[in-house]
Amino acid sequence: MNVNQLINMVIRLFVRKAVNGGINAGMKRFAGGGKSGGGQGNPDAAQQGQQAVRKARQAARAARRIGKM
């Protein structure tokens, strides 16, 4: 293993962590991030929002898996 491969491996590790952190932060912000206002609102809408976030996370995971190939 040469120096170029080692540098690329380390850079990939940091970039992967940064991208995953950004995706997670975006998902939390999109989902409301705990800023629901004390539980006010329609519980059905909250459940639908959680389902949408779950599907979005699954899609993000699938996209990352495809990107690794």
Protein backbone atom coordinates (compact mmCIF):
# COMPACT_ATOMS: atom_id res chain seq x y z
CA MET A 1 0.00 0.00 0.00
CA ASN A 2 1.56 3.26 -1.05
CA VAL A 3 1.21 6.74 0.40
CA ASN A 4 -1.34 7.82 -2.20
CA GLN A 5 -3.69 4.98 -1.23
CA LEU A 6 -3.32 5.79 2.47
CA ILE A 7 -4.09 9.47 1.89
CA ASN A 8 -7.14 8.60 -0.23
CA MET A 9 -8.37 6.19 2.43
CA VAL A 10 -8.13 8.82 5.17
CA ILE A 11 -9.75 11.50 3.01
CA ARG A 12 -12.61 9.16 2.11
CA LEU A 13 -13.17 8.43 5.80
CA PHE A 14 -13.46 12.12 6.68
CA VAL A 15 -15.63 12.95 3.67
CA ARG A 16 -17.97 10.06 4.46
CA LYS A 17 -18.37 11.25 8.05
CA ALA A 18 -19.01 14.82 6.92
CA VAL A 19 -21.59 13.78 4.33
CA ASN A 20 -23.37 11.48 6.76
CA GLY A 21 -23.42 14.23 9.38
CA GLY A 22 -24.88 16.66 6.86
CA ILE A 23 -27.54 14.19 5.77
CA ASN A 24 -28.50 13.46 9.37
CA ALA A 25 -28.64 17.18 10.22
CA GLY A 26 -30.83 17.83 7.18
CA MET A 27 -33.18 15.01 8.08
CA LYS A 28 -33.51 16.28 11.64
CA ARG A 29 -34.23 19.79 10.40
CA PHE A 30 -36.74 18.50 7.85
CA ALA A 31 -38.48 16.43 10.55
CA GLY A 32 -38.75 19.40 12.89
CA GLY A 33 -35.79 18.52 15.08
CA GLY A 34 -37.81 18.42 18.29
CA LYS A 35 -39.28 21.90 17.69
CA SER A 36 -42.85 20.63 17.63
CA GLY A 37 -44.17 23.37 19.91
CA GLY A 38 -45.03 21.27 22.93
CA GLY A 39 -47.03 18.59 21.19
CA GLN A 40 -49.55 20.87 19.53
CA GLY A 41 -51.01 19.93 16.19
CA ASN A 42 -52.49 16.93 14.49
CA PRO A 43 -51.09 13.57 15.70
CA ASP A 44 -51.88 11.96 12.33
CA ALA A 45 -49.80 14.58 10.55
CA ALA A 46 -46.94 13.93 12.96
CA GLN A 47 -47.12 10.21 12.26
CA GLN A 48 -47.15 10.84 8.51
CA GLY A 49 -44.13 13.11 8.92
CA GLN A 50 -42.27 10.40 10.81
CA GLN A 51 -43.07 7.91 8.07
CA ALA A 52 -41.82 10.37 5.45
CA VAL A 53 -38.58 10.86 7.38
CA ARG A 54 -38.15 7.09 7.71
CA LYS A 55 -38.56 6.64 3.96
CA ALA A 56 -36.19 9.53 3.25
CA ARG A 57 -33.55 7.98 5.52
CA GLN A 58 -33.96 4.64 3.77
CA ALA A 59 -33.54 6.37 0.41
CA ALA A 60 -30.43 8.18 1.65
CA ARG A 61 -28.96 4.89 2.88
CA ALA A 62 -29.67 3.24 -0.46
CA ALA A 63 -28.05 6.16 -2.29
CA ARG A 64 -24.94 5.88 -0.13
CA ARG A 65 -24.75 2.13 -0.79
CA ILE A 66 -25.03 2.71 -4.53
CA GLY A 67 -22.36 5.40 -4.31
CA LYS A 68 -19.92 2.97 -2.66
CA MET A 69 -20.14 0.52 -5.53
